[in-house]
Structure formats: C-alpha cells, structure tokens
Amino acid sequence: MDQYFKSYEELDIHQLMLSDKARVLAYKAAIFNSKEQFQDKIVMDVGAGSGILSVFCAQVGASKVYAVEASTLARTIEQVSSENNVRGKVEVIHSKVEDIRPGSLEKVDVIVSEWMGFYLVHEGMLDSVLFARDNFLREDGLLFPSVAKLYASPCQLPSMYEFWNDVCGVSMRCIGREYRRDKSSKPEVLLLNRDDLLAEGKLFAWLDLRCVSVAELDLLGGEDYVSVCEKDGRFQGVCIWFAVEFPDGSELSTGPRDNATHWKQTAVVLPEDAEVTRGEPVAFKLELRRNASCPRRYNMELSLLDAEAVEHDVPCGCHMTRCIVTRKYIDDLDERESCAIESTDS
C-alpha cells in the first residue's frame, strides 16, 4: 500500500486530529447547521479516517453515507458506525476513491472531506476530492468545505532569533545565524504568537472547490504582494495559513489570531532580519509549486521585492508618498460626491 495511506493507520495521528476541537467542531457545526442539505441525501466522505464525519452525516439524516478509506482503518469505521447506531446508513468502501469505477455508485448529493494539510495543500489530498467531485457528485451537489483560501503575512520569529542572543548569559549569535540559514531552506511548522504578525494576512490563493481543476493546483500564488506593517517590529519571516468555508457560510481558519489547530501555521524563515516601522510596505512574491517527482509535496519559494518597484493596492495604507497622495485624492473625491448627494437631496 502507498506509504501515505499506511501512515494514517497510526492511531496517534487520529487522536491528534480528533483532539483538535476547532477542526472537529467546525465540521460538526457546518453539517448540523445544514440538516436540510443532508436529510434523506446520499453523501460521500472522502478519506473517512476514523469515520467521525460519516457519523455526523448519518446523525443529521443522510440516507446513505459512502465512507471511502484506503487504509486498514476502514474496518474501524464499521465498528464506530455500529457503536453509534448508524451502521445501516454508513457503507464503508475500503479503497482509494480513484480506484472506484465511475458509474458503479449512484451519484451523491454531498461530498464531505477533511483533506487539508500543512499550508493547505501539503499531502495533495485535494486531488482525490476533485476526482470524487468530477465522477460521483450530482451536478447541483454540495462540497463541505466549498472554498479554500491561503494567506500570508510578514512576521516576527523570536524563537528563531532572540533565543541565541543570550543563552544563560552567553551570546551565541554566530550559531543563530547558522541555525537560521538551515531553517530558511524549508518551511517551518509552528504556532505563531498573534502579536508577532506584522500585518493583516494577504490573500494569495482562493480556490472554489466546485470548479477548480487539478491542473490549477500545480501553481499557487506567484504574484507580487504588498503588506503594510501595522506596527514597529523586526521582519524575520513570512507566516502562511489557510481557511476553508462551508456552504452554510461558516469558516475554519488556522491563522495566528484564531483558535490553535493541529495544522499550526507555516513560516518561511529569513536568514537575516530587518527593522520595519508602522505603515512601512513589505513587498514579496510567494509561490507554491507542486513537486513533479513527489506530487503530494510542494516547493515553496519566497522572493523579497523592492516595495518602490511593485504595484500597491488602491487605496494602500502605507507611508509611501504616492499612496498618501492617492488616499487623499480618493478621500476628497468621496467628500465631493457626498456633498453633491446632500445638495441634490436638499
């Protein structure tokens, strides 16, 4: 069996995910808030794992739930279904979803799946969900979640910098520099203190799961972005996180300002830091490209850019002269339009 699926036979992994209350309760709330969408409907749970989402769907009235699970945990789903008195509604399919012959099952009304990995797309499980969508979902069917978003923001990383400045009275900055050079070669998964974000998250990828193609997942981001620092600090890395939206409008977000999840955040560590001030623009280009030799992984590339040389949002809240002038022009225009409306009304 594929080592990826083999790894999910470890119960410790499932305890970690099931202990993530933000994750589990977000799915439960989205499903239970949409009872009418599940009542007497056929559901497919892609990568069912322990079976908890399948049970939720059965509990809100689904007539049948196909719990698709490639690992040997599929046998456990049957036991969990029996333990929760929904065995008659949950049909376990011990297979990769890609190995199920299209046409062998009736079309489903809803697809549920918890497919997200670190920085959203690590592990590449979204490909399987899109295969299920294209082959088994009714034309007007629903996906839970239905939208996925990736965010990035400049940040401080004191654990990468400050620790080495004073180790029990001994300065080890030289080791710290070597440590950061090593850490900057690959993304770092960590929990960032919300106070260490330097700016609001910049949306750099938005995926509508109802229509996005697998090919579109090969490259995410790749544009020039400008973030405006909200406070003075040290620019030491770029923090990346994701959020997913459900059809009921609810959201599960993994950002530093949200409840902590087992996904934590992903940081690109800079080998050297720079002082920034409130209102200062930080320009960068962030690209996630699928690894051709290992499709479940992505290569991440961060390029720091000259904020003077790239386009800014309009309006932009940074302290550069051109953005100050643009904001003033927009404010004056809004004021003139307001006065014109008041004059017409009177």
Protein backbone atom coordinates (compact mmCIF):
# COMPACT_ATOMS: atom_id res chain seq x y z
CA MET A 1 0.00 0.00 0.00
CA ASP A 2 1.05 3.61 -0.65
CA GLN A 3 3.12 4.81 2.33
CA TYR A 4 0.88 7.87 2.55
CA PHE A 5 -2.15 5.72 3.42
CA LYS A 6 -0.04 3.44 5.60
CA SER A 7 0.88 6.42 7.78
CA TYR A 8 -2.78 7.04 8.55
CA GLU A 9 -3.12 3.65 10.21
CA GLU A 10 -1.32 5.07 13.26
CA LEU A 11 -4.00 5.82 15.87
CA ASP A 12 -1.83 8.53 17.40
CA ILE A 13 -2.41 10.60 14.25
CA HIS A 14 -6.16 10.26 14.60
CA GLN A 15 -6.08 11.12 18.28
CA LEU A 16 -4.16 14.28 17.36
CA MET A 17 -6.76 15.24 14.75
CA LEU A 18 -9.76 14.31 16.90
CA SER A 19 -8.30 16.30 19.81
CA ASP A 20 -8.28 19.37 17.56
CA LYS A 21 -11.61 20.79 18.75
CA ALA A 22 -11.50 23.76 16.37
CA ARG A 23 -11.28 21.31 13.46
CA VAL A 24 -13.87 18.77 14.60
CA LEU A 25 -16.42 21.27 15.89
CA ALA A 26 -16.18 23.40 12.74
CA TYR A 27 -17.16 20.40 10.65
CA LYS A 28 -19.85 19.30 13.08
CA ALA A 29 -21.40 22.78 13.19
CA ALA A 30 -21.35 23.12 9.39
CA ILE A 31 -23.03 19.72 8.96
CA PHE A 32 -25.60 20.13 11.75
CA ASN A 33 -26.42 23.69 10.62
CA SER A 34 -27.23 22.28 7.17
CA LYS A 35 -29.52 19.42 8.17
CA GLU A 36 -31.88 20.09 5.28
CA GLN A 37 -28.99 19.57 2.86
CA PHE A 38 -28.32 16.10 4.32
CA GLN A 39 -31.85 14.88 5.09
CA ASP A 40 -32.55 11.75 3.00
CA LYS A 41 -29.50 12.51 0.84
CA ILE A 42 -26.58 10.37 -0.32
CA VAL A 43 -23.18 11.50 0.98
CA MET A 44 -19.59 10.55 0.19
CA ASP A 45 -16.92 11.02 2.86
CA VAL A 46 -13.57 11.06 1.02
CA GLY A 47 -10.70 9.86 3.20
CA ALA A 48 -13.07 8.99 6.04
CA GLY A 49 -10.30 8.12 8.52
CA SER A 50 -11.86 7.37 11.91
CA GLY A 51 -15.34 7.85 10.46
CA ILE A 52 -16.43 10.79 12.59
CA LEU A 53 -17.66 12.90 9.65
CA SER A 54 -19.59 9.93 8.28
CA VAL A 55 -21.30 9.54 11.66
CA PHE A 56 -22.16 13.26 11.77
CA CYS A 57 -23.77 13.00 8.32
CA ALA A 58 -25.79 9.94 9.32
CA GLN A 59 -26.88 11.61 12.54
CA VAL A 60 -28.41 14.57 10.66
CA GLY A 61 -30.46 12.31 8.43
CA ALA A 62 -28.41 11.19 5.42
CA SER A 63 -30.00 8.09 3.89
CA LYS A 64 -26.60 6.66 2.95
CA VAL A 65 -23.00 7.66 3.55
CA TYR A 66 -20.22 6.15 1.47
CA ALA A 67 -17.20 6.22 3.81
CA VAL A 68 -14.24 5.91 1.44
CA GLU A 69 -11.00 5.00 3.21
CA ALA A 70 -7.90 3.43 1.64
CA SER A 71 -6.11 2.44 4.85
CA THR A 72 -6.95 -0.53 7.05
CA LEU A 73 -8.75 1.94 9.31
CA ALA A 74 -11.74 1.23 7.07
CA ARG A 75 -12.54 -1.74 9.33
CA THR A 76 -12.62 0.58 12.31
CA ILE A 77 -15.21 2.84 10.64
CA GLU A 78 -17.65 -0.08 10.62
CA GLN A 79 -17.14 -0.54 14.35
CA VAL A 80 -17.55 3.19 15.05
CA SER A 81 -20.76 3.21 12.97
CA SER A 82 -22.17 0.28 14.93
CA GLU A 83 -21.19 1.86 18.24
CA ASN A 84 -23.18 4.97 17.26
CA ASN A 85 -26.19 3.09 15.85
CA VAL A 86 -25.72 4.25 12.24
CA ARG A 87 -24.25 1.07 10.75
CA GLY A 88 -27.24 0.73 8.44
CA LYS A 89 -26.58 4.15 6.93
CA VAL A 90 -22.78 4.05 6.58
CA GLU A 91 -21.35 1.89 3.80
CA VAL A 92 -17.58 1.58 4.08
CA ILE A 93 -15.59 1.37 0.84
CA HIS A 94 -12.07 0.15 1.52
CA SER A 95 -10.38 1.77 -1.47
CA LYS A 96 -8.76 4.85 -2.84
CA VAL A 97 -11.52 6.97 -4.35
CA GLU A 98 -9.60 6.97 -7.64
CA ASP A 99 -9.94 3.17 -7.79
CA ILE A 100 -13.74 3.24 -7.60
CA ARG A 101 -15.13 2.76 -11.07
CA PRO A 102 -17.26 5.72 -12.15
CA GLY A 103 -20.81 4.51 -12.66
CA SER A 104 -20.51 1.77 -10.05
CA LEU A 105 -22.19 4.02 -7.48
CA GLU A 106 -25.21 6.26 -7.75
CA LYS A 107 -24.41 9.94 -7.83
CA VAL A 108 -24.10 11.57 -4.40
CA ASP A 109 -25.71 14.78 -3.21
CA VAL A 110 -22.90 15.88 -0.89
CA ILE A 111 -19.16 15.30 -0.58
CA VAL A 112 -17.54 15.88 2.80
CA SER A 113 -13.83 15.59 3.38
CA GLU A 114 -11.16 16.85 5.73
CA TRP A 115 -8.38 16.92 3.16
CA MET A 116 -6.27 19.87 4.27
CA GLY A 117 -2.58 19.53 5.05
CA PHE A 118 0.08 21.95 6.25
CA TYR A 119 -0.16 25.23 4.28
CA LEU A 120 -3.42 23.77 2.89
CA VAL A 121 -2.11 21.63 0.03
CA HIS A 122 0.69 19.55 1.58
CA GLU A 123 -0.15 15.85 1.09
CA GLY A 124 -2.11 16.58 -2.12
CA MET A 125 -5.36 15.04 -0.91
CA LEU A 126 -7.43 17.73 -2.59
CA ASP A 127 -6.76 15.92 -5.89
CA SER A 128 -8.79 12.97 -4.56
CA VAL A 129 -11.69 15.22 -3.56
CA LEU A 130 -11.76 16.77 -7.04
CA PHE A 131 -11.75 13.28 -8.59
CA ALA A 132 -14.76 12.40 -6.44
CA ARG A 133 -16.45 15.68 -7.42
CA ASP A 134 -15.95 15.06 -11.13
CA ASN A 135 -17.04 11.42 -11.05
CA PHE A 136 -19.57 10.98 -8.26
CA LEU A 137 -21.17 14.32 -7.32
CA ARG A 138 -24.51 15.38 -8.80
CA GLU A 139 -24.36 18.49 -10.96
CA ASP A 140 -26.02 20.60 -8.25
CA GLY A 141 -24.31 18.78 -5.37
CA LEU A 142 -22.51 20.38 -2.42
CA LEU A 143 -18.97 20.15 -1.10
CA PHE A 144 -18.07 20.53 2.58
CA PRO A 145 -15.90 22.64 2.56
CA SER A 146 -16.64 24.51 -0.66
CA VAL A 147 -13.95 27.23 -0.69
CA ALA A 148 -10.31 27.26 0.42
CA LYS A 149 -8.06 30.30 0.93
CA LEU A 150 -4.36 30.81 1.59
CA TYR A 151 -2.97 33.85 3.42
CA ALA A 152 0.50 35.23 4.06
CA SER A 153 1.85 37.99 6.25
CA PRO A 154 5.28 39.32 7.26
CA CYS A 155 6.03 38.35 10.84
CA GLN A 156 8.48 38.24 13.68
CA LEU A 157 10.00 34.89 14.68
CA PRO A 158 11.57 35.45 18.10
CA SER A 159 12.16 31.72 18.62
CA MET A 160 14.49 31.79 15.62
CA TYR A 161 16.31 34.97 16.59
CA GLU A 162 16.14 36.01 20.23
CA PHE A 163 16.96 32.63 21.77
CA TRP A 164 20.54 32.72 20.50
CA ASN A 165 21.22 36.25 21.70
CA ASP A 166 21.51 35.22 25.34
CA VAL A 167 21.75 31.57 26.42
CA CYS A 168 22.16 31.75 30.19
CA GLY A 169 24.37 34.78 29.83
CA VAL A 170 26.32 33.51 26.79
CA SER A 171 25.88 35.15 23.38
CA MET A 172 25.53 32.61 20.56
CA ARG A 173 24.54 34.85 17.66
CA CYS A 174 27.01 33.08 15.38
CA ILE A 175 25.18 29.77 15.96
CA GLY A 176 21.87 31.57 15.50
CA ARG A 177 22.91 32.75 12.03
CA GLU A 178 23.82 29.19 11.02
CA TYR A 179 20.59 27.89 12.57
CA ARG A 180 18.51 30.33 10.50
CA ARG A 181 20.37 29.52 7.30
CA ASP A 182 19.41 25.89 7.86
CA LYS A 183 15.80 26.73 8.78
CA SER A 184 15.36 29.03 5.77
CA SER A 185 15.90 26.10 3.40
CA LYS A 186 12.47 24.61 4.11
CA PRO A 187 9.14 25.74 5.59
CA GLU A 188 8.84 25.63 9.37
CA VAL A 189 5.59 24.46 11.01
CA LEU A 190 4.98 26.33 14.27
CA LEU A 191 2.46 28.22 16.37
CA LEU A 192 3.00 31.93 15.93
CA ASN A 193 2.08 34.34 18.68
CA ARG A 194 -0.68 36.59 17.35
CA ASP A 195 1.34 39.63 18.46
CA ASP A 196 4.17 38.60 16.14
CA LEU A 197 2.14 39.20 12.98
CA LEU A 198 3.30 42.47 11.45
CA ALA A 199 0.36 42.96 9.07
CA GLU A 200 -3.05 41.67 8.08
CA GLY A 201 -2.96 38.48 6.06
CA LYS A 202 -2.66 38.94 2.30
CA LEU A 203 -4.91 36.57 0.34
CA PHE A 204 -2.68 34.90 -2.24
CA ALA A 205 -4.77 31.91 -3.30
CA TRP A 206 -8.56 31.44 -3.48
CA LEU A 207 -9.93 28.07 -4.56
CA ASP A 208 -13.57 27.47 -5.45
CA LEU A 209 -13.74 23.72 -4.95
CA ARG A 210 -16.87 23.48 -7.07
CA CYS A 211 -14.92 24.26 -10.23
CA VAL A 212 -11.15 24.38 -9.61
CA SER A 213 -9.16 21.85 -11.64
CA VAL A 214 -6.28 19.64 -10.53
CA ALA A 215 -4.03 21.44 -13.04
CA GLU A 216 -4.76 24.75 -11.32
CA LEU A 217 -3.32 23.32 -8.10
CA ASP A 218 0.11 22.86 -9.67
CA LEU A 219 0.98 26.51 -9.00
CA LEU A 220 -0.48 28.70 -6.27
CA GLY A 221 0.44 32.34 -5.73
CA GLY A 222 3.25 33.68 -7.89
CA GLU A 223 2.12 37.31 -7.96
CA ASP A 224 3.67 40.37 -6.31
CA TYR A 225 2.13 41.24 -2.94
CA VAL A 226 2.48 44.28 -0.69
CA SER A 227 1.68 44.08 3.02
CA VAL A 228 1.56 47.22 5.16
CA CYS A 229 3.08 46.86 8.63
CA GLU A 230 0.65 47.67 11.42
CA LYS A 231 3.37 48.31 13.99
CA ASP A 232 7.10 48.69 14.53
CA GLY A 233 9.00 45.42 14.67
CA ARG A 234 11.52 43.07 13.11
CA PHE A 235 10.73 41.48 9.75
CA GLN A 236 12.02 37.94 10.28
CA GLY A 237 9.83 35.73 8.11
CA VAL A 238 6.54 35.22 6.30
CA CYS A 239 3.73 33.39 8.06
CA ILE A 240 1.32 31.29 5.96
CA TRP A 241 -2.05 29.88 6.98
CA PHE A 242 -5.31 28.78 5.43
CA ALA A 243 -9.05 28.97 5.92
CA VAL A 244 -11.89 26.92 4.46
CA GLU A 245 -15.54 27.94 4.08
CA PHE A 246 -18.58 25.67 4.24
CA PRO A 247 -21.84 26.07 2.29
CA ASP A 248 -23.60 27.41 5.41
CA GLY A 249 -21.18 30.35 5.45
CA SER A 250 -19.16 29.18 8.44
CA GLU A 251 -15.37 29.09 8.34
CA LEU A 252 -12.48 27.13 9.82
CA SER A 253 -9.38 29.33 9.94
CA THR A 254 -5.89 28.35 11.07
CA GLY A 255 -4.38 31.82 11.43
CA PRO A 256 -2.37 33.08 14.42
CA ARG A 257 -5.39 35.14 15.54
CA ASP A 258 -7.71 32.12 15.51
CA ASN A 259 -8.01 29.17 17.87
CA ALA A 260 -4.96 26.94 17.57
CA THR A 261 -5.25 23.83 15.41
CA HIS A 262 -3.01 20.83 14.77
CA TRP A 263 -2.05 22.43 11.44
CA LYS A 264 -0.49 25.36 13.34
CA GLN A 265 0.99 27.84 10.82
CA THR A 266 3.81 27.56 8.32
CA ALA A 267 6.65 30.06 8.32
CA VAL A 268 9.31 30.86 5.78
CA VAL A 269 12.28 31.89 7.92
CA LEU A 270 14.55 34.71 6.75
CA PRO A 271 18.27 34.17 7.43
CA GLU A 272 18.62 37.88 8.30
CA ASP A 273 16.02 40.23 9.76
CA ALA A 274 15.24 43.86 9.09
CA GLU A 275 13.70 46.61 11.20
CA VAL A 276 10.30 47.82 9.99
CA THR A 277 8.05 50.62 11.14
CA ARG A 278 4.30 51.15 11.29
CA GLY A 279 2.98 51.99 7.83
CA GLU A 280 6.01 50.54 6.03
CA PRO A 281 5.24 48.39 2.97
CA VAL A 282 6.82 44.94 2.69
CA ALA A 283 6.78 43.51 -0.84
CA PHE A 284 7.23 39.86 -1.66
CA LYS A 285 6.45 37.13 -4.15
CA LEU A 286 5.32 33.77 -2.77
CA GLU A 287 4.95 30.71 -4.96
CA LEU A 288 3.84 27.16 -4.14
CA ARG A 289 4.67 24.78 -6.98
CA ARG A 290 3.83 21.08 -6.96
CA ASN A 291 6.89 18.83 -6.76
CA ALA A 292 6.98 16.93 -10.04
CA SER A 293 8.71 13.88 -8.56
CA CYS A 294 6.58 13.80 -5.38
CA PRO A 295 3.11 15.19 -6.23
CA ARG A 296 1.92 15.17 -2.60
CA ARG A 297 4.51 17.84 -1.77
CA TYR A 298 5.04 21.42 -2.85
CA ASN A 299 8.15 23.50 -3.34
CA MET A 300 7.78 26.91 -1.72
CA GLU A 301 9.72 29.92 -2.97
CA LEU A 302 9.74 33.35 -1.34
CA SER A 303 11.30 36.37 -3.04
CA LEU A 304 11.61 39.71 -1.29
CA LEU A 305 10.92 42.65 -3.60
CA ASP A 306 11.52 46.39 -3.67
CA ALA A 307 8.29 48.00 -2.47
CA GLU A 308 9.05 51.03 -4.67
CA ALA A 309 9.08 48.88 -7.80
CA VAL A 310 5.79 46.96 -7.48
CA GLU A 311 2.14 47.94 -7.73
CA HIS A 312 0.29 48.60 -4.46
CA ASP A 313 -3.37 48.07 -3.66
CA VAL A 314 -5.61 51.08 -4.25
CA PRO A 315 -6.07 52.51 -1.75
CA CYS A 316 -2.95 51.43 0.10
CA GLY A 317 -2.34 52.35 3.74
CA CYS A 318 1.45 52.53 3.54
CA HIS A 319 3.54 55.64 4.16
CA MET A 320 4.94 55.97 0.64
CA THR A 321 4.21 59.38 -0.93
CA ARG A 322 2.37 58.01 -3.95
CA CYS A 323 -0.01 56.04 -1.72
CA ILE A 324 -0.60 59.02 0.60
CA VAL A 325 -1.46 61.17 -2.42
CA THR A 326 -3.80 58.50 -3.81
CA ARG A 327 -5.61 58.14 -0.47
CA LYS A 328 -6.02 61.93 -0.25
CA TYR A 329 -7.42 62.05 -3.77
CA ILE A 330 -9.93 59.25 -3.01
CA ASP A 331 -10.97 60.88 0.27
CA ASP A 332 -11.50 64.23 -1.46
CA LEU A 333 -13.47 62.53 -4.24
CA ASP A 334 -15.69 60.75 -1.71
CA GLU A 335 -16.27 64.03 0.13
CA ARG A 336 -17.25 65.84 -3.09
CA GLU A 337 -19.66 63.04 -4.03
CA SER A 338 -21.21 63.13 -0.53
CA CYS A 339 -21.69 66.88 -0.76
CA ALA A 340 -23.24 66.53 -4.23
CA ILE A 341 -25.73 63.94 -2.92
CA GLU A 342 -26.64 66.13 0.08
CA SER A 343 -27.14 69.09 -2.24
CA THR A 344 -29.43 67.05 -4.51
CA ASP A 345 -31.45 65.77 -1.56
CA SER A 346 -32.00 69.27 -0.23
